[in-house]
Structure formats: structure tokens, C-alpha cells
Amino acid sequence: VVLILCGGVLCAAWYFVGDIEIDRDFPKTDSELGVNSAEVHDETITNIALFGIDSRTHDDQGHADAFMILSIDNKHNKLKLISILRDSKVEIEGYGQSKITNSYWWGSAPLAIKTLNQNFNMNVRDYVRVNFDQLADVIDAVGGVEIDVTAEELEEINFHMHGLGIYDSDLYETGMVTLTGNQAVSYARIRNVGTDIARAGRQQEVLEAMLAAVGKKSAIDYPSLVSQMSQYVETSLSYQEMISLATVLLGKDINLSTYTIPSEEENAVGGSNGTAWVWQYDLEAAGDHIHRIIYEDGE
């Protein structure tokens, strides 16, 4: 989503991004965001939180069903997408230990980013948020996404759409197929095929496929694309910051690498904490791992 926004903003300028909802009240100080002042800071790297929110009625805050860090690494000419599993057990200020997804439910983006920074010793200062049902419209705007779908996944995709009252978009093919917005969102929501790690992988696949779809479009298509997408996105980035990021992203062959925390390195243990199923692992070690990915260009 950030890639599409930033790429389009440069071409579309102010007129086309006028509908993007800018969170002008988002906190900026280290204390408000839980940033350690001694934290590594590299002017060539920008870290942004991506939240995929599951609030189907839009009457509640929603949980962060997709909880990611997008690191824009101009030093190594790379994009790094790091998924934090939504069931990771962390300390949430004011609430004690709970799943990291609950931080968004309890305090929206400010508490979610503060939780991310405090538990993993990060310096994330901005975010982009899209609701999952709105993401369907974003995907349709780019012409759909190409995904390799298994028979098990096909069944789950249709099951999820039926659960939302969508009966006219059933998928009938497996293998590499172009998914519509509703189909792709249902794919990203699958829980019953593989582990939570597999689910995070599917979310990453959808974002990678969106990037590929945008890459196939001509620059003259960007203004119209951004105009369609802007109504579905909320961000703490200013117009100036989006344009600045766009100058980094456009005109370069930037590679996207994906990672999931916890990985095998963290030796995570999954199980019930008495009230819910959670992933438990060494958060300090996980933070060190994330730092190596972002700042040392290594896994």
C-alpha cells in the first residue's frame, strides 16, 4: 500500500491525494511512541508500520490482523517487509501481557506502534492503515493479484466469502490465478490451512503481488490509481513525507524481501496462556534479529 501511495503521489501531486486521511494528531515524541533515544538511527532507512485491520462493521476499532514493518532501505536499495505474528505475547502499556494484535484494539495506531517499539526496541514513527474489506477495493483498483492457490486454499477462499455474504465471486481454478479483491482478501484471512506463520506468508504474498501489479502499469496510470485508492487509506505520513519517499522508490529496481517474526531463530512456543492461544518467545532476541534484518542487511 505504501509503495502504491508513494509512487502515485509523485505523479499525481496534491490533487490526487486529497482524499487520503492524514492522522494529524498522531504523536511524534520519543516518549509517546516508546522509542529509546539511544536506538539506532540511520537517515537512509525509513521504518513504517503497516496495519491490516479487521473491523468488518466499521463500528469498532478492530484488531490488527496484519501487523508489519515496512523498511525502506535506500542504503542497500531494498524493501524489507517484516511480519510480526498477531498472536505474539508482548507487554502492552496499561494492559499487561497480551497478544500484540490487541494493542491496536485498545489504543489504535499510537498504542500499537508504542507496543512495537517498546517490545522490540524499534524506532517506528509512522504508519499506514487499511481495513481488510477496503483492501478488496484497493486490489481491484490495481487489476487483481496473481497468486498460486492450492485446492485447500480455494475451498477456504470461497468459505470466507460466503461468510461475508459474497456469493457471486466464487473461485473455481487452482494454480497461478488472478484473484479479485474479495478473493485475495479471503486468501489473506485463511486460518485453517497451515500455521499462523503460513497465514502471515499469505498476507505477504498478497502485498508482493500488489507491488507486481503496480509495476506492470504505466506511470500515466498512477494518478487515476492513487485517486481510487486514497479514500481507503489512513496514514500518519504527511504529503511532503509521502513525496519524499516516492523519490526514493521511483526509478530504481528495488528488491522486496519478506521475513516473519518469530522465525526458527526465536524458538517460539505456541500454546494457551490460560485465556487465549499465543506465541511466546524471547522478545529481546527477536528485536536483535529485526535490527540485523533492517540495519545490517542480514537475516
C-alpha atoms as a PDB file:
ATOM      1  CA  VAL A   1       0.000   0.000   0.000  1.00  0.00           C
ATOM      2  CA  VAL A   2       2.830   2.405   0.864  1.00  0.00           C
ATOM      3  CA  LEU A   3       4.528   1.621  -2.448  1.00  0.00           C
ATOM      4  CA  ILE A   4       1.402   2.357  -4.448  1.00  0.00           C
ATOM      5  CA  LEU A   5       0.711   5.523  -2.496  1.00  0.00           C
ATOM      6  CA  CYS A   6       4.232   6.860  -2.712  1.00  0.00           C
ATOM      7  CA  GLY A   7       4.655   6.007  -6.381  1.00  0.00           C
ATOM      8  CA  GLY A   8       1.374   7.624  -7.265  1.00  0.00           C
ATOM      9  CA  VAL A   9       1.789  10.686  -5.101  1.00  0.00           C
ATOM     10  CA  LEU A  10       4.806  11.904  -7.001  1.00  0.00           C
ATOM     11  CA  CYS A  11       2.952  11.713 -10.300  1.00  0.00           C
ATOM     12  CA  ALA A  12      -0.455  12.819  -9.080  1.00  0.00           C
ATOM     13  CA  ALA A  13       0.695  15.623  -6.776  1.00  0.00           C
ATOM     14  CA  TRP A  14      -1.688  17.275  -4.360  1.00  0.00           C
ATOM     15  CA  TYR A  15      -4.942  16.986  -6.291  1.00  0.00           C
ATOM     16  CA  PHE A  16      -4.959  13.214  -6.500  1.00  0.00           C
ATOM     17  CA  VAL A  17      -4.055  12.518  -2.853  1.00  0.00           C
ATOM     18  CA  GLY A  18      -6.582  14.918  -1.407  1.00  0.00           C
ATOM     19  CA  ASP A  19      -8.807  12.090  -0.142  1.00  0.00           C
ATOM     20  CA  ILE A  20      -6.096  10.325   1.858  1.00  0.00           C
ATOM     21  CA  GLU A  21      -6.951  10.514   5.542  1.00  0.00           C
ATOM     22  CA  ILE A  22      -3.974  12.079   7.307  1.00  0.00           C
ATOM     23  CA  ASP A  23      -3.766  11.397  11.049  1.00  0.00           C
ATOM     24  CA  ARG A  24      -2.659  14.883  12.090  1.00  0.00           C
ATOM     25  CA  ASP A  25      -2.998  14.128  15.806  1.00  0.00           C
ATOM     26  CA  PHE A  26      -0.579  11.209  15.735  1.00  0.00           C
ATOM     27  CA  PRO A  27       2.088  11.610  18.458  1.00  0.00           C
ATOM     28  CA  LYS A  28       5.651  12.419  17.431  1.00  0.00           C
ATOM     29  CA  THR A  29       7.785  12.428  20.588  1.00  0.00           C
ATOM     30  CA  ASP A  30      10.029   9.543  21.660  1.00  0.00           C
ATOM     31  CA  SER A  31       8.183   9.084  24.949  1.00  0.00           C
ATOM     32  CA  GLU A  32       4.767   8.975  23.284  1.00  0.00           C
ATOM     33  CA  LEU A  33       5.966   6.437  20.726  1.00  0.00           C
ATOM     34  CA  GLY A  34       8.051   4.329  23.111  1.00  0.00           C
ATOM     35  CA  VAL A  35      11.292   4.998  21.243  1.00  0.00           C
ATOM     36  CA  ASN A  36      14.564   4.535  23.101  1.00  0.00           C
ATOM     37  CA  SER A  37      16.568   7.711  22.448  1.00  0.00           C
ATOM     38  CA  ALA A  38      19.720   5.579  22.139  1.00  0.00           C
ATOM     39  CA  GLU A  39      18.088   3.496  19.396  1.00  0.00           C
ATOM     40  CA  VAL A  40      19.943   3.066  16.116  1.00  0.00           C
ATOM     41  CA  HIS A  41      19.026   5.798  13.666  1.00  0.00           C
ATOM     42  CA  ASP A  42      20.039   5.742  10.028  1.00  0.00           C
ATOM     43  CA  GLU A  43      18.855   8.567   7.803  1.00  0.00           C
ATOM     44  CA  THR A  44      18.959   6.246   4.776  1.00  0.00           C
ATOM     45  CA  ILE A  45      16.380   3.862   6.282  1.00  0.00           C
ATOM     46  CA  THR A  46      12.712   4.582   6.976  1.00  0.00           C
ATOM     47  CA  ASN A  47      10.569   2.176   9.011  1.00  0.00           C
ATOM     48  CA  ILE A  48       6.785   2.328   8.704  1.00  0.00           C
ATOM     49  CA  ALA A  49       4.175   0.174  10.447  1.00  0.00           C
ATOM     50  CA  LEU A  50       1.552  -1.409   8.186  1.00  0.00           C
ATOM     51  CA  PHE A  51      -1.744  -2.357   9.830  1.00  0.00           C
ATOM     52  CA  GLY A  52      -4.342  -4.517   8.148  1.00  0.00           C
ATOM     53  CA  ILE A  53      -7.416  -4.015  10.326  1.00  0.00           C
ATOM     54  CA  ASP A  54     -10.261  -6.489  10.670  1.00  0.00           C
ATOM     55  CA  SER A  55     -13.256  -4.307  11.528  1.00  0.00           C
ATOM     56  CA  ARG A  56     -15.994  -5.654   9.332  1.00  0.00           C
ATOM     57  CA  THR A  57     -18.739  -3.368  10.608  1.00  0.00           C
ATOM     58  CA  HIS A  58     -16.517  -0.258  10.924  1.00  0.00           C
ATOM     59  CA  ASP A  59     -18.325   0.357  14.221  1.00  0.00           C
ATOM     60  CA  ASP A  60     -15.359  -0.698  16.329  1.00  0.00           C
ATOM     61  CA  GLN A  61     -11.629  -0.100  16.437  1.00  0.00           C
ATOM     62  CA  GLY A  62     -10.769  -3.500  15.028  1.00  0.00           C
ATOM     63  CA  HIS A  63      -7.775  -5.720  15.649  1.00  0.00           C
ATOM     64  CA  ALA A  64      -4.543  -5.518  13.658  1.00  0.00           C
ATOM     65  CA  ASP A  65      -4.938  -8.777  11.757  1.00  0.00           C
ATOM     66  CA  ALA A  66      -1.806  -7.925   9.763  1.00  0.00           C
ATOM     67  CA  PHE A  67       0.947  -6.336  11.863  1.00  0.00           C
ATOM     68  CA  MET A  68       4.013  -5.487   9.759  1.00  0.00           C
ATOM     69  CA  ILE A  69       7.078  -3.276   9.483  1.00  0.00           C
ATOM     70  CA  LEU A  70       7.986  -1.962   6.037  1.00  0.00           C
ATOM     71  CA  SER A  71      11.629  -0.913   5.998  1.00  0.00           C
ATOM     72  CA  ILE A  72      12.630   1.255   3.059  1.00  0.00           C
ATOM     73  CA  ASP A  73      16.380   0.725   2.781  1.00  0.00           C
ATOM     74  CA  ASN A  74      17.951   3.245   0.426  1.00  0.00           C
ATOM     75  CA  LYS A  75      21.420   2.136   1.516  1.00  0.00           C
ATOM     76  CA  HIS A  76      21.027  -1.342   0.022  1.00  0.00           C
ATOM     77  CA  ASN A  77      18.321  -0.386  -2.485  1.00  0.00           C
ATOM     78  CA  LYS A  78      15.862  -2.798  -0.863  1.00  0.00           C
ATOM     79  CA  LEU A  79      12.443  -3.034   0.688  1.00  0.00           C
ATOM     80  CA  LYS A  80      12.070  -5.338   3.676  1.00  0.00           C
ATOM     81  CA  LEU A  81       8.662  -6.470   4.858  1.00  0.00           C
ATOM     82  CA  ILE A  82       8.664  -7.964   8.353  1.00  0.00           C
ATOM     83  CA  SER A  83       5.501  -9.614   9.670  1.00  0.00           C
ATOM     84  CA  ILE A  84       5.033  -9.804  13.448  1.00  0.00           C
ATOM     85  CA  LEU A  85       2.660 -12.678  14.159  1.00  0.00           C
ATOM     86  CA  ARG A  86      -0.563 -11.246  15.562  1.00  0.00           C
ATOM     87  CA  ASP A  87      -0.643 -13.766  18.436  1.00  0.00           C
ATOM     88  CA  SER A  88       2.815 -12.790  19.738  1.00  0.00           C
ATOM     89  CA  LYS A  89       2.693 -12.354  23.521  1.00  0.00           C
ATOM     90  CA  VAL A  90       4.029  -8.903  24.438  1.00  0.00           C
ATOM     91  CA  GLU A  91       3.748  -6.292  27.177  1.00  0.00           C
ATOM     92  CA  ILE A  92       1.149  -3.637  26.340  1.00  0.00           C
ATOM     93  CA  GLU A  93       1.466  -0.471  28.400  1.00  0.00           C
ATOM     94  CA  GLY A  94      -1.517  -0.062  30.689  1.00  0.00           C
ATOM     95  CA  TYR A  95      -2.865  -3.549  29.961  1.00  0.00           C
ATOM     96  CA  GLY A  96      -0.150  -6.028  30.874  1.00  0.00           C
ATOM     97  CA  GLN A  97       0.769  -9.038  28.775  1.00  0.00           C
ATOM     98  CA  SER A  98      -1.433  -9.903  25.819  1.00  0.00           C
ATOM     99  CA  LYS A  99      -1.410 -10.574  22.078  1.00  0.00           C
ATOM    100  CA  ILE A 100       0.187  -7.785  20.080  1.00  0.00           C
ATOM    101  CA  THR A 101      -2.956  -7.534  17.923  1.00  0.00           C
ATOM    102  CA  ASN A 102      -4.875  -6.282  20.972  1.00  0.00           C
ATOM    103  CA  SER A 103      -2.690  -3.170  21.177  1.00  0.00           C
ATOM    104  CA  TYR A 104      -4.495  -1.744  18.159  1.00  0.00           C
ATOM    105  CA  TRP A 105      -7.892  -2.697  19.557  1.00  0.00           C
ATOM    106  CA  TRP A 106      -7.140  -0.930  22.846  1.00  0.00           C
ATOM    107  CA  GLY A 107      -5.318   2.169  21.621  1.00  0.00           C
ATOM    108  CA  SER A 108      -5.335   2.375  17.823  1.00  0.00           C
ATOM    109  CA  ALA A 109      -2.109   3.172  15.954  1.00  0.00           C
ATOM    110  CA  PRO A 110      -0.400   5.159  18.775  1.00  0.00           C
ATOM    111  CA  LEU A 111      -0.524   2.270  21.253  1.00  0.00           C
ATOM    112  CA  ALA A 112       0.208  -0.321  18.560  1.00  0.00           C
ATOM    113  CA  ILE A 113       3.388   1.482  17.484  1.00  0.00           C
ATOM    114  CA  LYS A 114       4.396   2.143  21.083  1.00  0.00           C
ATOM    115  CA  THR A 115       3.974  -1.567  21.820  1.00  0.00           C
ATOM    116  CA  LEU A 116       6.063  -2.458  18.775  1.00  0.00           C
ATOM    117  CA  ASN A 117       8.846  -0.058  19.750  1.00  0.00           C
ATOM    118  CA  GLN A 118       8.920  -0.978  23.435  1.00  0.00           C
ATOM    119  CA  ASN A 119       8.952  -4.747  22.960  1.00  0.00           C
ATOM    120  CA  PHE A 120      11.353  -4.950  20.029  1.00  0.00           C
ATOM    121  CA  ASN A 121      13.485  -1.846  20.720  1.00  0.00           C
ATOM    122  CA  MET A 122      12.425  -0.217  17.465  1.00  0.00           C
ATOM    123  CA  ASN A 123      12.116   3.359  16.207  1.00  0.00           C
ATOM    124  CA  VAL A 124       8.964   3.148  14.090  1.00  0.00           C
ATOM    125  CA  ARG A 125       7.344   6.595  13.908  1.00  0.00           C
ATOM    126  CA  ASP A 126       4.672   6.366  11.203  1.00  0.00           C
ATOM    127  CA  TYR A 127       2.005   4.015   9.933  1.00  0.00           C
ATOM    128  CA  VAL A 128      -0.314   3.176   7.069  1.00  0.00           C
ATOM    129  CA  ARG A 129      -3.640   1.505   7.840  1.00  0.00           C
ATOM    130  CA  VAL A 130      -6.229  -0.128   5.618  1.00  0.00           C
ATOM    131  CA  ASN A 131      -9.281  -2.158   6.602  1.00  0.00           C
ATOM    132  CA  PHE A 132      -9.357  -5.638   5.079  1.00  0.00           C
ATOM    133  CA  ASP A 133     -12.695  -5.167   3.358  1.00  0.00           C
ATOM    134  CA  GLN A 134     -11.427  -1.873   1.916  1.00  0.00           C
ATOM    135  CA  LEU A 135      -8.281  -3.667   0.775  1.00  0.00           C
ATOM    136  CA  ALA A 136     -10.507  -5.579  -1.644  1.00  0.00           C
ATOM    137  CA  ASP A 137     -11.257  -2.307  -3.433  1.00  0.00           C
ATOM    138  CA  VAL A 138      -7.563  -1.398  -3.476  1.00  0.00           C
ATOM    139  CA  ILE A 139      -6.715  -4.747  -5.099  1.00  0.00           C
ATOM    140  CA  ASP A 140      -9.469  -4.335  -7.664  1.00  0.00           C
ATOM    141  CA  ALA A 141      -8.053  -0.890  -8.445  1.00  0.00           C
ATOM    142  CA  VAL A 142      -4.723  -2.449  -9.495  1.00  0.00           C
ATOM    143  CA  GLY A 143      -6.483  -5.098 -11.588  1.00  0.00           C
ATOM    144  CA  GLY A 144      -6.290  -8.030  -9.176  1.00  0.00           C
ATOM    145  CA  VAL A 145      -3.292 -10.031  -7.969  1.00  0.00           C
ATOM    146  CA  GLU A 146      -1.675 -13.227  -9.234  1.00  0.00           C
ATOM    147  CA  ILE A 147      -1.436 -15.898  -6.534  1.00  0.00           C
ATOM    148  CA  ASP A 148      -0.608 -19.625  -6.612  1.00  0.00           C
ATOM    149  CA  VAL A 149      -3.675 -21.193  -4.972  1.00  0.00           C
ATOM    150  CA  THR A 150      -3.967 -24.784  -3.714  1.00  0.00           C
ATOM    151  CA  ALA A 151      -7.181 -26.822  -3.644  1.00  0.00           C
ATOM    152  CA  GLU A 152      -7.373 -26.426   0.153  1.00  0.00           C
ATOM    153  CA  GLU A 153      -6.946 -22.686  -0.120  1.00  0.00           C
ATOM    154  CA  LEU A 154      -9.594 -22.442  -2.845  1.00  0.00           C
ATOM    155  CA  GLU A 155     -12.134 -24.068  -0.547  1.00  0.00           C
ATOM    156  CA  GLU A 156     -11.262 -21.661   2.271  1.00  0.00           C
ATOM    157  CA  ILE A 157     -11.404 -18.625  -0.018  1.00  0.00           C
ATOM    158  CA  ASN A 158     -14.960 -19.439  -1.039  1.00  0.00           C
ATOM    159  CA  PHE A 159     -15.901 -20.296   2.562  1.00  0.00           C
ATOM    160  CA  HIS A 160     -14.714 -16.888   3.815  1.00  0.00           C
ATOM    161  CA  MET A 161     -16.531 -15.013   1.066  1.00  0.00           C
ATOM    162  CA  HIS A 162     -19.758 -16.881   1.785  1.00  0.00           C
ATOM    163  CA  GLY A 163     -19.376 -15.963   5.459  1.00  0.00           C
ATOM    164  CA  LEU A 164     -19.407 -12.309   4.412  1.00  0.00           C
ATOM    165  CA  GLY A 165     -22.451 -12.789   2.201  1.00  0.00           C
ATOM    166  CA  ILE A 166     -20.449 -12.733  -1.048  1.00  0.00           C
ATOM    167  CA  TYR A 167     -21.810 -15.443  -3.355  1.00  0.00           C
ATOM    168  CA  ASP A 168     -21.067 -14.080  -6.819  1.00  0.00           C
ATOM    169  CA  SER A 169     -17.243 -14.223  -6.723  1.00  0.00           C
ATOM    170  CA  ASP A 170     -16.501 -17.920  -6.168  1.00  0.00           C
ATOM    171  CA  LEU A 171     -13.099 -19.133  -7.296  1.00  0.00           C
ATOM    172  CA  TYR A 172     -13.047 -22.280  -9.451  1.00  0.00           C
ATOM    173  CA  GLU A 173      -9.402 -22.596 -10.502  1.00  0.00           C
ATOM    174  CA  THR A 174      -6.248 -23.605  -8.669  1.00  0.00           C
ATOM    175  CA  GLY A 175      -2.634 -22.916  -9.558  1.00  0.00           C
ATOM    176  CA  MET A 176      -1.478 -19.449 -10.609  1.00  0.00           C
ATOM    177  CA  VAL A 177      -4.670 -17.412 -10.918  1.00  0.00           C
ATOM    178  CA  THR A 178      -5.592 -13.735 -10.851  1.00  0.00           C
ATOM    179  CA  LEU A 179      -7.637 -13.100  -7.723  1.00  0.00           C
ATOM    180  CA  THR A 180     -10.190 -10.316  -7.428  1.00  0.00           C
ATOM    181  CA  GLY A 181     -10.153  -8.069  -4.375  1.00  0.00           C
ATOM    182  CA  ASN A 182     -12.667 -10.171  -2.427  1.00  0.00           C
ATOM    183  CA  GLN A 183     -10.873 -13.392  -3.326  1.00  0.00           C
ATOM    184  CA  ALA A 184      -7.438 -12.014  -2.385  1.00  0.00           C
ATOM    185  CA  VAL A 185      -8.638 -10.683   0.982  1.00  0.00           C
ATOM    186  CA  SER A 186     -10.257 -14.041   1.740  1.00  0.00           C
ATOM    187  CA  TYR A 187      -6.956 -15.713   0.805  1.00  0.00           C
ATOM    188  CA  ALA A 188      -5.082 -13.452   3.238  1.00  0.00           C
ATOM    189  CA  ARG A 189      -7.569 -14.327   6.005  1.00  0.00           C
ATOM    190  CA  ILE A 190      -7.208 -18.117   5.744  1.00  0.00           C
ATOM    191  CA  ARG A 191      -6.580 -19.659   9.165  1.00  0.00           C
ATOM    192  CA  ASN A 192      -7.267 -23.364   8.660  1.00  0.00           C
ATOM    193  CA  VAL A 193      -4.550 -24.190   6.130  1.00  0.00           C
ATOM    194  CA  GLY A 194      -1.117 -24.342   7.717  1.00  0.00           C
ATOM    195  CA  THR A 195       0.058 -22.423  10.770  1.00  0.00           C
ATOM    196  CA  ASP A 196      -0.152 -18.758  11.725  1.00  0.00           C
ATOM    197  CA  ILE A 197       3.233 -18.420  10.025  1.00  0.00           C
ATOM    198  CA  ALA A 198       1.669 -19.664   6.782  1.00  0.00           C
ATOM    199  CA  ARG A 199      -1.085 -17.095   7.216  1.00  0.00           C
ATOM    200  CA  ALA A 200       1.460 -14.285   7.576  1.00  0.00           C
ATOM    201  CA  GLY A 201       3.143 -15.633   4.452  1.00  0.00           C
ATOM    202  CA  ARG A 202      -0.113 -15.384   2.520  1.00  0.00           C
ATOM    203  CA  GLN A 203      -0.527 -11.761   3.624  1.00  0.00           C
ATOM    204  CA  GLN A 204       2.997 -11.052   2.389  1.00  0.00           C
ATOM    205  CA  GLU A 205       2.215 -12.779  -0.912  1.00  0.00           C
ATOM    206  CA  VAL A 206      -0.770 -10.500  -1.463  1.00  0.00           C
ATOM    207  CA  LEU A 207       1.336  -7.373  -0.842  1.00  0.00           C
ATOM    208  CA  GLU A 208       4.091  -8.649  -3.143  1.00  0.00           C
ATOM    209  CA  ALA A 209       1.509  -9.400  -5.829  1.00  0.00           C
ATOM    210  CA  MET A 210       0.071  -5.892  -5.445  1.00  0.00           C
ATOM    211  CA  LEU A 211       3.555  -4.458  -5.978  1.00  0.00           C
ATOM    212  CA  ALA A 212       3.974  -6.613  -9.085  1.00  0.00           C
ATOM    213  CA  ALA A 213       0.593  -5.453 -10.406  1.00  0.00           C
ATOM    214  CA  VAL A 214       1.510  -1.800  -9.935  1.00  0.00           C
ATOM    215  CA  GLY A 215       4.874  -2.405 -11.581  1.00  0.00           C
ATOM    216  CA  LYS A 216       3.113  -3.505 -14.760  1.00  0.00           C
ATOM    217  CA  LYS A 217       1.244  -0.221 -15.034  1.00  0.00           C
ATOM    218  CA  SER A 218       2.412   2.835 -16.894  1.00  0.00           C
ATOM    219  CA  ALA A 219       3.296   5.972 -14.951  1.00  0.00           C
ATOM    220  CA  ILE A 220       0.378   7.707 -16.632  1.00  0.00           C
ATOM    221  CA  ASP A 221      -1.948   5.290 -14.804  1.00  0.00           C
ATOM    222  CA  TYR A 222      -0.679   6.326 -11.347  1.00  0.00           C
ATOM    223  CA  PRO A 223      -2.803   9.466 -10.867  1.00  0.00           C
ATOM    224  CA  SER A 224      -6.043   7.584 -11.518  1.00  0.00           C
ATOM    225  CA  LEU A 225      -4.879   4.664  -9.371  1.00  0.00           C
ATOM    226  CA  VAL A 226      -3.989   6.860  -6.406  1.00  0.00           C
ATOM    227  CA  SER A 227      -7.241   8.753  -6.748  1.00  0.00           C
ATOM    228  CA  GLN A 228      -9.154   5.464  -6.436  1.00  0.00           C
ATOM    229  CA  MET A 229      -7.061   4.174  -3.530  1.00  0.00           C
ATOM    230  CA  SER A 230      -6.768   7.295  -1.406  1.00  0.00           C
ATOM    231  CA  GLN A 231     -10.254   7.013   0.078  1.00  0.00           C
ATOM    232  CA  TYR A 232      -9.393   3.659   1.688  1.00  0.00           C
ATOM    233  CA  VAL A 233      -6.161   4.597   3.444  1.00  0.00           C
ATOM    234  CA  GLU A 234      -5.261   6.312   6.707  1.00  0.00           C
ATOM    235  CA  THR A 235      -1.672   7.314   7.463  1.00  0.00           C
ATOM    236  CA  SER A 236       0.410   9.478   9.771  1.00  0.00           C
ATOM    237  CA  LEU A 237       2.697  10.399   6.862  1.00  0.00           C
ATOM    238  CA  SER A 238       2.368  13.961   5.631  1.00  0.00           C
ATOM    239  CA  TYR A 239       2.042  14.770   1.929  1.00  0.00           C
ATOM    240  CA  GLN A 240       5.636  16.011   1.977  1.00  0.00           C
ATOM    241  CA  GLU A 241       6.866  12.762   3.551  1.00  0.00           C
ATOM    242  CA  MET A 242       4.998  10.653   1.003  1.00  0.00           C
ATOM    243  CA  ILE A 243       6.552  12.610  -1.841  1.00  0.00           C
ATOM    244  CA  SER A 244       9.984  12.289  -0.246  1.00  0.00           C
ATOM    245  CA  LEU A 245       9.573   8.517  -0.010  1.00  0.00           C
ATOM    246  CA  ALA A 246       8.378   8.405  -3.595  1.00  0.00           C
ATOM    247  CA  THR A 247      11.628   9.980  -4.793  1.00  0.00           C
ATOM    248  CA  VAL A 248      13.454   7.069  -3.135  1.00  0.00           C
ATOM    249  CA  LEU A 249      11.215   4.388  -4.598  1.00  0.00           C
ATOM    250  CA  LEU A 250      10.696   5.538  -8.165  1.00  0.00           C
ATOM    251  CA  GLY A 251      13.210   4.975 -10.911  1.00  0.00           C
ATOM    252  CA  LYS A 252      15.030   2.140  -9.154  1.00  0.00           C
ATOM    253  CA  ASP A 253      14.922  -1.645  -9.302  1.00  0.00           C
ATOM    254  CA  ILE A 254      14.296  -2.183  -5.609  1.00  0.00           C
ATOM    255  CA  ASN A 255      14.023  -5.753  -4.347  1.00  0.00           C
ATOM    256  CA  LEU A 256      11.440  -6.805  -1.781  1.00  0.00           C
ATOM    257  CA  SER A 257      12.464  -9.333   0.879  1.00  0.00           C
ATOM    258  CA  THR A 258       9.975 -10.788   3.357  1.00  0.00           C
ATOM    259  CA  TYR A 259      10.524 -12.028   6.898  1.00  0.00           C
ATOM    260  CA  THR A 260       8.384 -13.343   9.741  1.00  0.00           C
ATOM    261  CA  ILE A 261       8.909 -12.907  13.487  1.00  0.00           C
ATOM    262  CA  PRO A 262       9.157 -15.271  15.259  1.00  0.00           C
ATOM    263  CA  SER A 263      11.305 -17.297  12.893  1.00  0.00           C
ATOM    264  CA  GLU A 264      13.104 -20.551  13.604  1.00  0.00           C
ATOM    265  CA  GLU A 265      15.811 -18.462  15.279  1.00  0.00           C
ATOM    266  CA  GLU A 266      13.470 -17.389  18.102  1.00  0.00           C
ATOM    267  CA  ASN A 267      12.445 -20.976  19.055  1.00  0.00           C
ATOM    268  CA  ALA A 268       8.904 -19.780  19.683  1.00  0.00           C
ATOM    269  CA  VAL A 269       6.496 -21.902  21.666  1.00  0.00           C
ATOM    270  CA  GLY A 270       2.801 -21.768  20.844  1.00  0.00           C
ATOM    271  CA  GLY A 271       0.096 -22.631  23.327  1.00  0.00           C
ATOM    272  CA  SER A 272      -2.581 -21.378  25.676  1.00  0.00           C
ATOM    273  CA  ASN A 273      -1.723 -18.742  28.275  1.00  0.00           C
ATOM    274  CA  GLY A 274      -4.857 -19.618  30.213  1.00  0.00           C
ATOM    275  CA  THR A 275      -7.222 -17.367  28.277  1.00  0.00           C
ATOM    276  CA  ALA A 276      -6.005 -17.427  24.651  1.00  0.00           C
ATOM    277  CA  TRP A 277      -3.593 -19.104  22.251  1.00  0.00           C
ATOM    278  CA  VAL A 278      -0.306 -17.165  21.982  1.00  0.00           C
ATOM    279  CA  TRP A 279       3.226 -17.330  20.627  1.00  0.00           C
ATOM    280  CA  GLN A 280       5.829 -16.938  23.383  1.00  0.00           C
ATOM    281  CA  TYR A 281       9.475 -16.223  22.614  1.00  0.00           C
ATOM    282  CA  ASP A 282      12.453 -14.084  23.635  1.00  0.00           C
ATOM    283  CA  LEU A 283      11.409 -10.581  22.575  1.00  0.00           C
ATOM    284  CA  GLU A 284      14.872  -9.104  23.105  1.00  0.00           C
ATOM    285  CA  ALA A 285      16.395 -11.726  20.810  1.00  0.00           C
ATOM    286  CA  ALA A 286      13.622 -11.085  18.290  1.00  0.00           C
ATOM    287  CA  GLY A 287      14.386  -7.356  18.451  1.00  0.00           C
ATOM    288  CA  ASP A 288      18.054  -8.052  17.758  1.00  0.00           C
ATOM    289  CA  HIS A 289      17.009 -10.200  14.815  1.00  0.00           C
ATOM    290  CA  ILE A 290      14.836  -7.418  13.375  1.00  0.00           C
ATOM    291  CA  HIS A 291      17.720  -4.963  13.788  1.00  0.00           C
ATOM    292  CA  ARG A 292      20.041  -7.225  11.812  1.00  0.00           C
ATOM    293  CA  ILE A 293      17.466  -7.502   9.035  1.00  0.00           C
ATOM    294  CA  ILE A 294      16.946  -3.757   8.835  1.00  0.00           C
ATOM    295  CA  TYR A 295      20.331  -2.231   9.641  1.00  0.00           C
ATOM    296  CA  GLU A 296      22.882  -4.912   8.764  1.00  0.00           C
ATOM    297  CA  ASP A 297      21.111  -6.225   5.676  1.00  0.00           C
ATOM    298  CA  GLY A 298      21.170  -9.747   7.028  1.00  0.00           C
ATOM    299  CA  GLU A 299      18.887 -12.390   8.467  1.00  0.00           C
END
